[in-house]
Amino acid sequence: MAISIKKIFEKENTSKFLVKGVTATAMNALRRSVMEEVPCLAIENVSIYANDSVMFDEFLAHRLGMLPIKTDAKGYKQGESVKLVLEKEGPCTVYSKDIKSTDPKVDVADKKIPITKLSKGQNLKIEMDAVMQTGKEHVKWQPAIIAYQEVASIETAKDCDGCEECIKKCPKNVLELKAKKIVLVDPFLCTICGACRDSCKQGALKINIEPETFLLMIETSGTLTAKECLLSAITALKNKSKEFDKAISKID
């Protein structure tokens, strides 16, 4: 089976893809590569020149470090950095939108994250370095949450009496009775829990797993797009494969 990838859902930072022609091993390798091998920017070095807020410097630095930074994937290499500046005077609530970047292509991905509050006369002055690194170093460099699952289909035997008990037991409400057969309305919502099959007293229901077919779900933090995450992860896997080939060729 030839490999095919089709986008079936996209909303904000969440995307779902139907992937065919690959094994579970390959899907897991892709998942791990996205989480550990895809470089993106995150705030690492924080220089605090003024902090009159009630928040300790350490807490403030940690909060800044977890902000998603929109990354110019082609503009920075691993280990390189870009400077960000935050300067505010109270009274106000300091938000992530108040952080200014020295590079117009790099910015905070979510502008509505509250950082701290300043009362009248209080000041905040901070300089930060957003460093390009991977999730292998720290979770703040993990650009996305990614998962995959097998895709199921339902097979109804002739002795099904149409009692609809299986439909009632389905926790995802994805089963319907059509033409005296149980039909899986949305196979992508099915978690293959087996509740429908186990509730059938006649044993007339069978769950089949589509061969080499998976639903891939990815939710990015906003640092990179889903496509950028996947392409970068595949590139990392290719590079590792080349290194593995070289290592094997040296074996006597």
Foldseek 3Di string as FASTA:
>chain_A
DDWDWDWDDDDDQKTKIKIFDDDPVVVVLLQVLLQFPQKFWFWDDKDWPFFPFPDDPVLLSVLRRLFQKAGPSVPDDAFDKWKKKAKDADQDFDWLLRIGTPDPNMGGQDGGHTRGGHHHPGITIMMTIIGIHHNNVPSSRNFKNKDKDWFKWKAFAPPQPPPCQLCVQQPQNQWDQDPNDIGRNDRVSDPPPCRSQVRDPVSGMDMDTDPRIMMMMIGGSRRDHPVSSSVSSVVVVVVVVVVVVVVVVPDD
